[in-house]
C-alpha atoms as a PDB file:
ATOM      1  CA  UNK A   1     -37.935 292.059-125.307  1.00  0.00           C
ATOM      2  CA  UNK A   2     -38.913 294.532-128.016  1.00  0.00           C
ATOM      3  CA  UNK A   3     -41.669 296.004-125.834  1.00  0.00           C
ATOM      4  CA  UNK A   4     -39.290 296.216-122.898  1.00  0.00           C
ATOM      5  CA  UNK A   5     -36.585 297.845-125.000  1.00  0.00           C
ATOM      6  CA  UNK A   6     -39.015 300.567-125.968  1.00  0.00           C
ATOM      7  CA  UNK A   7     -39.305 301.549-122.304  1.00  0.00           C
ATOM      8  CA  UNK A   8     -35.582 302.284-121.881  1.00  0.00           C
ATOM      9  CA  UNK A   9     -34.976 306.005-122.039  1.00  0.00           C
ATOM     10  CA  UNK A  10     -33.094 307.124-125.149  1.00  0.00           C
ATOM     11  CA  UNK A  11     -29.500 308.160-124.562  1.00  0.00           C
ATOM     12  CA  UNK A  12     -28.703 311.829-124.282  1.00  0.00           C
ATOM     13  CA  UNK A  13     -27.248 313.390-127.398  1.00  0.00           C
ATOM     14  CA  UNK A  14     -23.645 314.503-127.053  1.00  0.00           C
ATOM     15  CA  UNK A  15     -24.594 318.198-126.553  1.00  0.00           C
ATOM     16  CA  UNK A  16     -27.153 317.151-123.901  1.00  0.00           C
ATOM     17  CA  UNK A  17     -24.641 314.963-122.084  1.00  0.00           C
ATOM     18  CA  UNK A  18     -21.911 317.608-122.277  1.00  0.00           C
ATOM     19  CA  UNK A  19     -24.201 320.200-120.702  1.00  0.00           C
ATOM     20  CA  UNK A  20     -25.471 317.798-118.010  1.00  0.00           C
ATOM     21  CA  UNK A  21     -21.928 316.816-117.006  1.00  0.00           C
ATOM     22  CA  UNK A  22     -20.781 320.436-116.869  1.00  0.00           C
ATOM     23  CA  UNK A  23     -23.806 321.371-114.791  1.00  0.00           C
ATOM     24  CA  UNK A  24     -22.984 318.711-112.202  1.00  0.00           C
ATOM     25  CA  UNK A  25     -19.357 319.822-112.088  1.00  0.00           C
ATOM     26  CA  UNK A  26     -20.464 323.424-111.581  1.00  0.00           C
ATOM     27  CA  UNK A  27     -22.774 322.351-108.732  1.00  0.00           C
ATOM     28  CA  UNK A  28     -20.237 319.876-107.301  1.00  0.00           C
ATOM     29  CA  UNK A  29     -22.885 317.168-107.596  1.00  0.00           C
ATOM     30  CA  UNK A  30     -22.195 313.438-107.753  1.00  0.00           C
ATOM     31  CA  UNK A  31     -20.429 311.939-109.660  1.00  0.00           C
ATOM     32  CA  UNK A  32     -18.276 315.040-110.298  1.00  0.00           C
ATOM     33  CA  UNK A  33     -17.623 316.127-106.732  1.00  0.00           C
ATOM     34  CA  UNK A  34     -14.110 317.422-106.223  1.00  0.00           C
ATOM     35  CA  UNK A  35     -13.469 318.171-109.896  1.00  0.00           C
ATOM     36  CA  UNK A  36     -12.647 321.688-111.052  1.00  0.00           C
ATOM     37  CA  UNK A  37     -15.343 323.085-113.378  1.00  0.00           C
ATOM     38  CA  UNK A  38     -12.660 324.608-115.607  1.00  0.00           C
ATOM     39  CA  UNK A  39     -10.939 321.224-115.968  1.00  0.00           C
ATOM     40  CA  UNK A  40     -14.235 319.566-116.845  1.00  0.00           C
ATOM     41  CA  UNK A  41     -15.003 322.227-119.456  1.00  0.00           C
ATOM     42  CA  UNK A  42     -11.595 321.636-121.039  1.00  0.00           C
ATOM     43  CA  UNK A  43     -12.095 317.854-121.026  1.00  0.00           C
ATOM     44  CA  UNK A  44     -15.552 318.065-122.572  1.00  0.00           C
ATOM     45  CA  UNK A  45     -14.230 320.451-125.205  1.00  0.00           C
ATOM     46  CA  UNK A  46     -11.991 317.679-126.550  1.00  0.00           C
ATOM     47  CA  UNK A  47     -14.922 315.278-126.986  1.00  0.00           C
ATOM     48  CA  UNK A  48     -17.208 315.379-130.014  1.00  0.00           C
ATOM     49  CA  UNK A  49     -19.332 312.251-129.738  1.00  0.00           C
ATOM     50  CA  UNK A  50     -20.736 309.563-127.459  1.00  0.00           C
ATOM     51  CA  UNK A  51     -17.882 307.204-128.354  1.00  0.00           C
ATOM     52  CA  UNK A  52     -16.741 305.603-125.099  1.00  0.00           C
ATOM     53  CA  UNK A  53     -13.061 305.479-126.001  1.00  0.00           C
ATOM     54  CA  UNK A  54     -13.029 309.114-127.103  1.00  0.00           C
ATOM     55  CA  UNK A  55     -14.598 309.965-123.767  1.00  0.00           C
ATOM     56  CA  UNK A  56     -12.012 307.959-121.836  1.00  0.00           C
ATOM     57  CA  UNK A  57      -9.057 309.467-123.733  1.00  0.00           C
ATOM     58  CA  UNK A  58     -10.020 313.023-122.899  1.00  0.00           C
ATOM     59  CA  UNK A  59     -10.532 312.376-119.192  1.00  0.00           C
ATOM     60  CA  UNK A  60      -7.281 310.406-119.071  1.00  0.00           C
ATOM     61  CA  UNK A  61      -5.386 313.298-120.634  1.00  0.00           C
ATOM     62  CA  UNK A  62      -6.234 315.512-117.674  1.00  0.00           C
ATOM     63  CA  UNK A  63      -5.660 312.641-115.260  1.00  0.00           C
ATOM     64  CA  UNK A  64      -2.140 312.195-116.635  1.00  0.00           C
ATOM     65  CA  UNK A  65      -1.427 315.888-116.133  1.00  0.00           C
ATOM     66  CA  UNK A  66      -2.264 315.670-112.438  1.00  0.00           C
ATOM     67  CA  UNK A  67      -0.478 312.317-112.067  1.00  0.00           C
ATOM     68  CA  UNK A  68       2.738 313.778-113.520  1.00  0.00           C
ATOM     69  CA  UNK A  69       2.380 316.851-111.328  1.00  0.00           C
ATOM     70  CA  UNK A  70       2.082 314.615-108.263  1.00  0.00           C
ATOM     71  CA  UNK A  71       5.109 312.584-109.220  1.00  0.00           C
ATOM     72  CA  UNK A  72       7.224 315.722-109.693  1.00  0.00           C
ATOM     73  CA  UNK A  73       6.635 316.929-106.115  1.00  0.00           C
ATOM     74  CA  UNK A  74       6.312 313.581-104.328  1.00  0.00           C
ATOM     75  CA  UNK A  75       9.628 313.914-102.475  1.00  0.00           C
ATOM     76  CA  UNK A  76       9.534 317.673-101.916  1.00  0.00           C
ATOM     77  CA  UNK A  77       5.877 318.357-101.058  1.00  0.00           C
ATOM     78  CA  UNK A  78       3.924 315.314 -99.879  1.00  0.00           C
ATOM     79  CA  UNK A  79       0.644 317.177 -99.180  1.00  0.00           C
ATOM     80  CA  UNK A  80       0.644 318.641-102.703  1.00  0.00           C
ATOM     81  CA  UNK A  81       1.471 315.246-104.181  1.00  0.00           C
ATOM     82  CA  UNK A  82      -1.395 313.649-102.243  1.00  0.00           C
ATOM     83  CA  UNK A  83      -3.879 316.160-103.602  1.00  0.00           C
ATOM     84  CA  UNK A  84      -2.610 315.819-107.156  1.00  0.00           C
ATOM     85  CA  UNK A  85      -2.758 312.015-107.061  1.00  0.00           C
ATOM     86  CA  UNK A  86      -6.292 312.255-105.703  1.00  0.00           C
ATOM     87  CA  UNK A  87      -7.236 314.626-108.527  1.00  0.00           C
ATOM     88  CA  UNK A  88      -5.693 312.241-111.052  1.00  0.00           C
ATOM     89  CA  UNK A  89      -7.789 309.430-109.587  1.00  0.00           C
ATOM     90  CA  UNK A  90     -10.981 311.485-109.972  1.00  0.00           C
ATOM     91  CA  UNK A  91     -10.376 312.240-113.653  1.00  0.00           C
ATOM     92  CA  UNK A  92      -9.152 308.770-114.557  1.00  0.00           C
ATOM     93  CA  UNK A  93     -12.065 307.304-112.643  1.00  0.00           C
ATOM     94  CA  UNK A  94     -14.685 309.364-114.408  1.00  0.00           C
ATOM     95  CA  UNK A  95     -13.123 308.416-117.715  1.00  0.00           C
ATOM     96  CA  UNK A  96     -14.041 304.842-116.743  1.00  0.00           C
ATOM     97  CA  UNK A  97     -17.465 305.708-115.295  1.00  0.00           C
ATOM     98  CA  UNK A  98     -19.948 304.093-114.765  1.00  0.00           C
ATOM     99  CA  UNK A  99     -18.733 300.754-116.117  1.00  0.00           C
ATOM    100  CA  UNK A 100     -15.650 299.634-118.036  1.00  0.00           C
ATOM    101  CA  UNK A 101     -17.395 298.569-121.257  1.00  0.00           C
ATOM    102  CA  UNK A 102     -14.769 299.603-123.805  1.00  0.00           C
ATOM    103  CA  UNK A 103     -10.972 299.211-124.079  1.00  0.00           C
ATOM    104  CA  UNK A 104     -10.457 302.892-123.343  1.00  0.00           C
ATOM    105  CA  UNK A 105     -12.627 302.793-120.258  1.00  0.00           C
ATOM    106  CA  UNK A 106     -10.840 299.688-119.005  1.00  0.00           C
ATOM    107  CA  UNK A 107      -7.506 301.497-119.421  1.00  0.00           C
ATOM    108  CA  UNK A 108      -8.857 304.537-117.568  1.00  0.00           C
ATOM    109  CA  UNK A 109      -9.971 302.308-114.703  1.00  0.00           C
ATOM    110  CA  UNK A 110      -6.496 300.800-114.362  1.00  0.00           C
ATOM    111  CA  UNK A 111      -4.904 304.227-114.302  1.00  0.00           C
ATOM    112  CA  UNK A 112      -7.425 305.330-111.670  1.00  0.00           C
ATOM    113  CA  UNK A 113      -6.386 302.439-109.451  1.00  0.00           C
ATOM    114  CA  UNK A 114      -2.701 303.282-109.966  1.00  0.00           C
ATOM    115  CA  UNK A 115      -3.303 306.933-109.066  1.00  0.00           C
ATOM    116  CA  UNK A 116      -5.236 306.059-105.935  1.00  0.00           C
ATOM    117  CA  UNK A 117      -2.609 303.547-104.822  1.00  0.00           C
ATOM    118  CA  UNK A 118       0.014 306.264-105.215  1.00  0.00           C
ATOM    119  CA  UNK A 119      -2.161 308.545-103.083  1.00  0.00           C
ATOM    120  CA  UNK A 120      -2.616 305.797-100.490  1.00  0.00           C
ATOM    121  CA  UNK A 121       1.143 305.477-100.012  1.00  0.00           C
ATOM    122  CA  UNK A 122       1.264 309.145 -98.972  1.00  0.00           C
ATOM    123  CA  UNK A 123      -1.964 309.229 -96.962  1.00  0.00           C
ATOM    124  CA  UNK A 124      -1.962 310.595 -93.432  1.00  0.00           C
ATOM    125  CA  UNK A 125      -2.948 308.662 -91.375  1.00  0.00           C
ATOM    126  CA  UNK A 126      -1.627 305.668 -93.334  1.00  0.00           C
ATOM    127  CA  UNK A 127      -4.011 303.960 -95.747  1.00  0.00           C
ATOM    128  CA  UNK A 128      -3.243 300.248 -95.803  1.00  0.00           C
ATOM    129  CA  UNK A 129      -3.799 298.175 -98.939  1.00  0.00           C
ATOM    130  CA  UNK A 130      -5.373 294.947 -97.709  1.00  0.00           C
ATOM    131  CA  UNK A 131      -5.332 291.742 -99.773  1.00  0.00           C
ATOM    132  CA  UNK A 132      -7.344 288.748 -98.544  1.00  0.00           C
ATOM    133  CA  UNK A 133      -7.198 285.369-100.355  1.00  0.00           C
ATOM    134  CA  UNK A 134     -10.635 284.325-101.598  1.00  0.00           C
ATOM    135  CA  UNK A 135     -11.551 281.286-103.700  1.00  0.00           C
ATOM    136  CA  UNK A 136      -8.358 281.344-105.729  1.00  0.00           C
ATOM    137  CA  UNK A 137      -8.537 285.125-106.177  1.00  0.00           C
ATOM    138  CA  UNK A 138      -8.308 287.962-103.685  1.00  0.00           C
ATOM    139  CA  UNK A 139     -10.406 290.609-101.996  1.00  0.00           C
ATOM    140  CA  UNK A 140      -8.741 294.027-102.128  1.00  0.00           C
ATOM    141  CA  UNK A 141      -9.602 296.839 -99.757  1.00  0.00           C
ATOM    142  CA  UNK A 142      -8.235 299.929 -98.035  1.00  0.00           C
ATOM    143  CA  UNK A 143      -7.981 300.063 -94.239  1.00  0.00           C
ATOM    144  CA  UNK A 144      -7.390 303.338 -92.416  1.00  0.00           C
ATOM    145  CA  UNK A 145      -7.148 303.897 -88.655  1.00  0.00           C
ATOM    146  CA  UNK A 146      -7.429 307.229 -86.806  1.00  0.00           C
ATOM    147  CA  UNK A 147      -4.123 308.616 -85.627  1.00  0.00           C
ATOM    148  CA  UNK A 148      -3.437 307.438 -82.091  1.00  0.00           C
ATOM    149  CA  UNK A 149      -6.442 305.100 -82.048  1.00  0.00           C
ATOM    150  CA  UNK A 150      -6.444 302.420 -79.320  1.00  0.00           C
ATOM    151  CA  UNK A 151      -5.541 298.870 -80.269  1.00  0.00           C
ATOM    152  CA  UNK A 152      -7.705 296.936 -80.676  1.00  0.00           C
ATOM    153  CA  UNK A 153     -10.416 299.379 -81.762  1.00  0.00           C
ATOM    154  CA  UNK A 154     -13.817 299.448 -83.480  1.00  0.00           C
ATOM    155  CA  UNK A 155     -14.030 299.232 -87.261  1.00  0.00           C
ATOM    156  CA  UNK A 156     -16.646 299.847 -89.947  1.00  0.00           C
ATOM    157  CA  UNK A 157     -16.698 297.788 -93.137  1.00  0.00           C
ATOM    158  CA  UNK A 158     -17.856 300.353 -95.688  1.00  0.00           C
ATOM    159  CA  UNK A 159     -19.171 299.452 -99.143  1.00  0.00           C
ATOM    160  CA  UNK A 160     -20.203 301.746-101.988  1.00  0.00           C
ATOM    161  CA  UNK A 161     -22.718 301.211-104.755  1.00  0.00           C
ATOM    162  CA  UNK A 162     -23.141 300.483-108.425  1.00  0.00           C
ATOM    163  CA  UNK A 163     -20.635 303.099-109.577  1.00  0.00           C
ATOM    164  CA  UNK A 164     -19.026 304.389-106.370  1.00  0.00           C
ATOM    165  CA  UNK A 165     -16.122 302.036-105.766  1.00  0.00           C
ATOM    166  CA  UNK A 166     -13.999 301.574-102.657  1.00  0.00           C
ATOM    167  CA  UNK A 167     -11.737 304.495-103.593  1.00  0.00           C
ATOM    168  CA  UNK A 168     -14.755 306.803-103.571  1.00  0.00           C
ATOM    169  CA  UNK A 169     -15.733 305.390-100.175  1.00  0.00           C
ATOM    170  CA  UNK A 170     -12.312 306.402 -98.812  1.00  0.00           C
ATOM    171  CA  UNK A 171     -12.591 309.937-100.144  1.00  0.00           C
ATOM    172  CA  UNK A 172     -16.249 310.536 -99.354  1.00  0.00           C
ATOM    173  CA  UNK A 173     -16.822 308.753 -96.036  1.00  0.00           C
ATOM    174  CA  UNK A 174     -13.339 308.038 -94.698  1.00  0.00           C
ATOM    175  CA  UNK A 175     -12.754 311.466 -93.096  1.00  0.00           C
ATOM    176  CA  UNK A 176     -15.993 311.206 -91.125  1.00  0.00           C
ATOM    177  CA  UNK A 177     -15.188 307.728 -89.841  1.00  0.00           C
ATOM    178  CA  UNK A 178     -11.783 308.943 -88.681  1.00  0.00           C
ATOM    179  CA  UNK A 179     -13.263 312.041 -87.062  1.00  0.00           C
ATOM    180  CA  UNK A 180     -15.604 309.761 -85.092  1.00  0.00           C
ATOM    181  CA  UNK A 181     -12.629 307.698 -83.891  1.00  0.00           C
ATOM    182  CA  UNK A 182     -13.495 304.717 -86.102  1.00  0.00           C
ATOM    183  CA  UNK A 183     -11.224 302.659 -88.299  1.00  0.00           C
ATOM    184  CA  UNK A 184     -12.795 301.642 -91.591  1.00  0.00           C
ATOM    185  CA  UNK A 185     -12.235 299.130 -94.354  1.00  0.00           C
ATOM    186  CA  UNK A 186     -13.425 300.255 -97.795  1.00  0.00           C
ATOM    187  CA  UNK A 187     -14.464 297.459-100.162  1.00  0.00           C
ATOM    188  CA  UNK A 188     -16.041 297.030-103.586  1.00  0.00           C
ATOM    189  CA  UNK A 189     -19.397 295.324-103.689  1.00  0.00           C
ATOM    190  CA  UNK A 190     -19.697 292.199-105.882  1.00  0.00           C
ATOM    191  CA  UNK A 191     -19.647 292.941-109.588  1.00  0.00           C
ATOM    192  CA  UNK A 192     -17.819 296.271-109.322  1.00  0.00           C
ATOM    193  CA  UNK A 193     -14.273 297.577-109.173  1.00  0.00           C
ATOM    194  CA  UNK A 194     -11.823 294.857-108.167  1.00  0.00           C
ATOM    195  CA  UNK A 195     -14.377 292.547-106.526  1.00  0.00           C
ATOM    196  CA  UNK A 196     -13.520 288.905-107.297  1.00  0.00           C
ATOM    197  CA  UNK A 197     -17.125 287.762-107.922  1.00  0.00           C
ATOM    198  CA  UNK A 198     -20.310 289.020-109.571  1.00  0.00           C
ATOM    199  CA  UNK A 199     -23.635 289.506-107.821  1.00  0.00           C
ATOM    200  CA  UNK A 200     -25.515 286.311-107.032  1.00  0.00           C
ATOM    201  CA  UNK A 201     -27.365 284.695-104.170  1.00  0.00           C
ATOM    202  CA  UNK A 202     -24.731 283.902-101.558  1.00  0.00           C
ATOM    203  CA  UNK A 203     -22.220 286.501-102.775  1.00  0.00           C
ATOM    204  CA  UNK A 204     -22.183 287.977 -99.268  1.00  0.00           C
ATOM    205  CA  UNK A 205     -19.713 285.189 -98.459  1.00  0.00           C
ATOM    206  CA  UNK A 206     -17.123 287.652 -99.776  1.00  0.00           C
ATOM    207  CA  UNK A 207     -17.748 289.875 -96.764  1.00  0.00           C
ATOM    208  CA  UNK A 208     -17.908 286.931 -94.365  1.00  0.00           C
ATOM    209  CA  UNK A 209     -14.410 286.054 -95.526  1.00  0.00           C
ATOM    210  CA  UNK A 210     -13.363 289.599 -94.656  1.00  0.00           C
ATOM    211  CA  UNK A 211     -14.729 289.128 -91.146  1.00  0.00           C
ATOM    212  CA  UNK A 212     -12.604 285.986 -90.876  1.00  0.00           C
ATOM    213  CA  UNK A 213      -9.498 287.965 -91.791  1.00  0.00           C
ATOM    214  CA  UNK A 214     -10.265 290.858 -89.445  1.00  0.00           C
ATOM    215  CA  UNK A 215     -10.654 288.449 -86.529  1.00  0.00           C
ATOM    216  CA  UNK A 216      -6.910 287.797 -86.652  1.00  0.00           C
ATOM    217  CA  UNK A 217      -5.810 291.454 -86.623  1.00  0.00           C
ATOM    218  CA  UNK A 218      -4.503 292.729 -83.281  1.00  0.00           C
ATOM    219  CA  UNK A 219      -5.596 296.311 -84.111  1.00  0.00           C
ATOM    220  CA  UNK A 220      -9.274 295.411 -84.685  1.00  0.00           C
ATOM    221  CA  UNK A 221     -11.745 294.617 -81.906  1.00  0.00           C
ATOM    222  CA  UNK A 222     -13.710 291.780 -83.506  1.00  0.00           C
ATOM    223  CA  UNK A 223     -16.535 292.376 -81.015  1.00  0.00           C
ATOM    224  CA  UNK A 224     -17.072 295.900 -82.386  1.00  0.00           C
ATOM    225  CA  UNK A 225     -17.313 295.590 -86.155  1.00  0.00           C
ATOM    226  CA  UNK A 226     -20.089 297.391 -88.024  1.00  0.00           C
ATOM    227  CA  UNK A 227     -21.095 297.300 -91.694  1.00  0.00           C
ATOM    228  CA  UNK A 228     -22.344 300.228 -93.760  1.00  0.00           C
ATOM    229  CA  UNK A 229     -23.504 299.992 -97.360  1.00  0.00           C
ATOM    230  CA  UNK A 230     -24.685 302.866 -99.557  1.00  0.00           C
ATOM    231  CA  UNK A 231     -27.145 302.541-102.460  1.00  0.00           C
ATOM    232  CA  UNK A 232     -26.608 299.049-103.984  1.00  0.00           C
ATOM    233  CA  UNK A 233     -24.090 298.522-101.202  1.00  0.00           C
ATOM    234  CA  UNK A 234     -26.973 298.869 -98.761  1.00  0.00           C
ATOM    235  CA  UNK A 235     -28.344 295.593-100.084  1.00  0.00           C
ATOM    236  CA  UNK A 236     -25.154 293.869 -98.952  1.00  0.00           C
ATOM    237  CA  UNK A 237     -25.393 295.566 -95.573  1.00  0.00           C
ATOM    238  CA  UNK A 238     -28.842 294.036 -95.131  1.00  0.00           C
ATOM    239  CA  UNK A 239     -27.706 290.631 -96.352  1.00  0.00           C
ATOM    240  CA  UNK A 240     -24.810 290.697 -93.926  1.00  0.00           C
ATOM    241  CA  UNK A 241     -27.104 291.670 -91.058  1.00  0.00           C
ATOM    242  CA  UNK A 242     -28.938 288.380 -91.633  1.00  0.00           C
ATOM    243  CA  UNK A 243     -25.880 286.315 -92.568  1.00  0.00           C
ATOM    244  CA  UNK A 244     -23.682 287.464 -89.666  1.00  0.00           C
ATOM    245  CA  UNK A 245     -25.916 288.556 -86.764  1.00  0.00           C
ATOM    246  CA  UNK A 246     -23.410 287.277 -84.197  1.00  0.00           C
ATOM    247  CA  UNK A 247     -20.301 288.882 -85.682  1.00  0.00           C
ATOM    248  CA  UNK A 248     -21.657 292.336 -86.572  1.00  0.00           C
ATOM    249  CA  UNK A 249     -22.340 294.820 -83.799  1.00  0.00           C
ATOM    250  CA  UNK A 250     -24.430 297.111 -86.035  1.00  0.00           C
ATOM    251  CA  UNK A 251     -25.432 297.545 -89.684  1.00  0.00           C
ATOM    252  CA  UNK A 252     -26.449 300.613 -91.710  1.00  0.00           C
ATOM    253  CA  UNK A 253     -28.465 299.992 -94.879  1.00  0.00           C
ATOM    254  CA  UNK A 254     -28.369 303.344 -96.640  1.00  0.00           C
ATOM    255  CA  UNK A 255     -31.025 303.194 -99.381  1.00  0.00           C
ATOM    256  CA  UNK A 256     -30.254 299.638-100.434  1.00  0.00           C
ATOM    257  CA  UNK A 257     -32.567 297.689-102.771  1.00  0.00           C
ATOM    258  CA  UNK A 258     -34.674 295.090-100.997  1.00  0.00           C
ATOM    259  CA  UNK A 259     -37.599 293.700-102.990  1.00  0.00           C
ATOM    260  CA  UNK A 260     -39.409 295.944-105.471  1.00  0.00           C
ATOM    261  CA  UNK A 261     -36.162 297.107-107.076  1.00  0.00           C
ATOM    262  CA  UNK A 262     -35.538 293.624-108.401  1.00  0.00           C
ATOM    263  CA  UNK A 263     -38.885 293.188-110.128  1.00  0.00           C
ATOM    264  CA  UNK A 264     -39.345 293.554-113.873  1.00  0.00           C
ATOM    265  CA  UNK A 265     -41.995 296.280-113.594  1.00  0.00           C
ATOM    266  CA  UNK A 266     -39.836 298.535-111.408  1.00  0.00           C
ATOM    267  CA  UNK A 267     -36.717 298.114-113.522  1.00  0.00           C
ATOM    268  CA  UNK A 268     -38.531 298.954-116.740  1.00  0.00           C
ATOM    269  CA  UNK A 269     -39.881 302.099-115.135  1.00  0.00           C
ATOM    270  CA  UNK A 270     -36.461 303.027-113.718  1.00  0.00           C
ATOM    271  CA  UNK A 271     -34.676 302.386-117.002  1.00  0.00           C
ATOM    272  CA  UNK A 272     -37.098 304.804-118.632  1.00  0.00           C
ATOM    273  CA  UNK A 273     -35.815 307.779-116.635  1.00  0.00           C
ATOM    274  CA  UNK A 274     -32.965 310.090-117.646  1.00  0.00           C
ATOM    275  CA  UNK A 275     -31.703 310.977-114.182  1.00  0.00           C
ATOM    276  CA  UNK A 276     -28.589 308.821-114.638  1.00  0.00           C
ATOM    277  CA  UNK A 277     -26.095 310.507-116.951  1.00  0.00           C
ATOM    278  CA  UNK A 278     -25.498 307.557-119.302  1.00  0.00           C
ATOM    279  CA  UNK A 279     -25.079 303.779-119.565  1.00  0.00           C
ATOM    280  CA  UNK A 280     -27.476 302.973-116.719  1.00  0.00           C
ATOM    281  CA  UNK A 281     -28.517 299.650-118.212  1.00  0.00           C
ATOM    282  CA  UNK A 282     -24.923 298.713-119.046  1.00  0.00           C
ATOM    283  CA  UNK A 283     -23.842 299.431-115.462  1.00  0.00           C
ATOM    284  CA  UNK A 284     -26.728 297.533-113.892  1.00  0.00           C
ATOM    285  CA  UNK A 285     -26.362 294.535-116.190  1.00  0.00           C
ATOM    286  CA  UNK A 286     -22.597 294.294-115.675  1.00  0.00           C
ATOM    287  CA  UNK A 287     -22.865 293.530-111.951  1.00  0.00           C
ATOM    288  CA  UNK A 288     -24.855 290.401-112.792  1.00  0.00           C
ATOM    289  CA  UNK A 289     -22.544 289.454-115.642  1.00  0.00           C
ATOM    290  CA  UNK A 290     -25.334 289.603-118.243  1.00  0.00           C
ATOM    291  CA  UNK A 291     -25.615 291.679-121.396  1.00  0.00           C
ATOM    292  CA  UNK A 292     -29.194 291.467-122.698  1.00  0.00           C
ATOM    293  CA  UNK A 293     -32.229 293.179-121.266  1.00  0.00           C
ATOM    294  CA  UNK A 294     -34.230 289.985-120.930  1.00  0.00           C
ATOM    295  CA  UNK A 295     -31.405 288.204-119.088  1.00  0.00           C
ATOM    296  CA  UNK A 296     -31.139 291.194-116.766  1.00  0.00           C
ATOM    297  CA  UNK A 297     -34.868 291.252-116.024  1.00  0.00           C
ATOM    298  CA  UNK A 298     -34.925 287.514-115.351  1.00  0.00           C
ATOM    299  CA  UNK A 299     -31.860 287.653-113.079  1.00  0.00           C
ATOM    300  CA  UNK A 300     -33.041 290.373-110.716  1.00  0.00           C
ATOM    301  CA  UNK A 301     -35.849 288.675-108.718  1.00  0.00           C
ATOM    302  CA  UNK A 302     -33.513 286.011-107.335  1.00  0.00           C
ATOM    303  CA  UNK A 303     -31.815 288.759-105.298  1.00  0.00           C
ATOM    304  CA  UNK A 304     -34.957 289.798-103.405  1.00  0.00           C
ATOM    305  CA  UNK A 305     -34.636 289.866 -99.616  1.00  0.00           C
ATOM    306  CA  UNK A 306     -38.294 288.950 -99.139  1.00  0.00           C
ATOM    307  CA  UNK A 307     -37.435 285.442 -97.996  1.00  0.00           C
ATOM    308  CA  UNK A 308     -35.049 286.471 -95.210  1.00  0.00           C
ATOM    309  CA  UNK A 309     -36.692 289.510 -93.635  1.00  0.00           C
ATOM    310  CA  UNK A 310     -38.282 287.527 -90.809  1.00  0.00           C
ATOM    311  CA  UNK A 311     -34.992 285.943 -89.721  1.00  0.00           C
ATOM    312  CA  UNK A 312     -32.784 287.142 -86.824  1.00  0.00           C
ATOM    313  CA  UNK A 313     -30.423 289.960 -87.766  1.00  0.00           C
ATOM    314  CA  UNK A 314     -27.807 292.258 -86.325  1.00  0.00           C
ATOM    315  CA  UNK A 315     -29.168 295.649 -85.172  1.00  0.00           C
ATOM    316  CA  UNK A 316     -29.888 297.519 -88.393  1.00  0.00           C
ATOM    317  CA  UNK A 317     -30.448 301.211 -89.184  1.00  0.00           C
ATOM    318  CA  UNK A 318     -32.385 301.820 -92.407  1.00  0.00           C
ATOM    319  CA  UNK A 319     -31.751 305.169 -94.081  1.00  0.00           C
ATOM    320  CA  UNK A 320     -33.934 306.426 -96.922  1.00  0.00           C
ATOM    321  CA  UNK A 321     -35.484 309.651 -98.107  1.00  0.00           C
ATOM    322  CA  UNK A 322     -35.193 312.428-100.620  1.00  0.00           C
ATOM    323  CA  UNK A 323     -31.877 314.128-101.268  1.00  0.00           C
ATOM    324  CA  UNK A 324     -31.140 317.493-102.818  1.00  0.00           C
ATOM    325  CA  UNK A 325     -28.225 315.903-104.692  1.00  0.00           C
ATOM    326  CA  UNK A 326     -28.129 313.440-107.578  1.00  0.00           C
ATOM    327  CA  UNK A 327     -29.080 309.878-106.692  1.00  0.00           C
ATOM    328  CA  UNK A 328     -27.562 306.756-108.133  1.00  0.00           C
END
């Protein structure tokens, strides 16, 4: 464990992190897309250390300003209120990013959810909050249909990654689905956001349960359901292609981990980079529900897809390559 620990990249100092965050805001690069550079500069100016709760407090302060602004115009100017609630969600959400591993970050995450739910109530076309019972808990997602779409119509189940939750999926990919005439259902992958279970072999049953629920909706054509997953979410797209070849019309695995990602050697190399802003190990370990490096390294290989790749699957598009933006 000591040798492995030595291969994890040292954290950025506060001045290094401050400058890296501001740079991404200035470039509108993930995970700061949509945020105003001047707001980010103000937020960072209130922070003086790497303390997670200090970080969360400053981002929440700006989030509260936008939330209150939205509330003040909610009845008089719905479009302005929508935009302000969405801005509040962005700032609250980044105060909780990439994982809620302190009380302050947990509080920021709850406020982010509240802000996005307030936005959803004003969304046009309507953004439906979907709750599906699941093993004594519930699966929570957002379903949006194009205005005037035929009933029943095609739908894409869309899942984000390690740190891009279902709310981000709605903002980032939702408009393109709607433009293409597709309804979509945005969900958290296991181990993130409001997902009811952590990552484990068989966790794709969460999404199979969603397919069960969609089958009973009169506005969804159960013969034309697709599944798209991005980054870690791409892994679940692939798993679902093999788990549900009869019920999925098509699957898009957008840069999802398959085999090498899960091996000790690759993870130690990846954890030694500084591309990720901060808390990469904490975020990756949290989705498994482990906290030590050795437990994390031992857990990963069980998730390899090597044993299922020769089985029948739904039609699957694999997307990979080099991007000019930040990867995650």
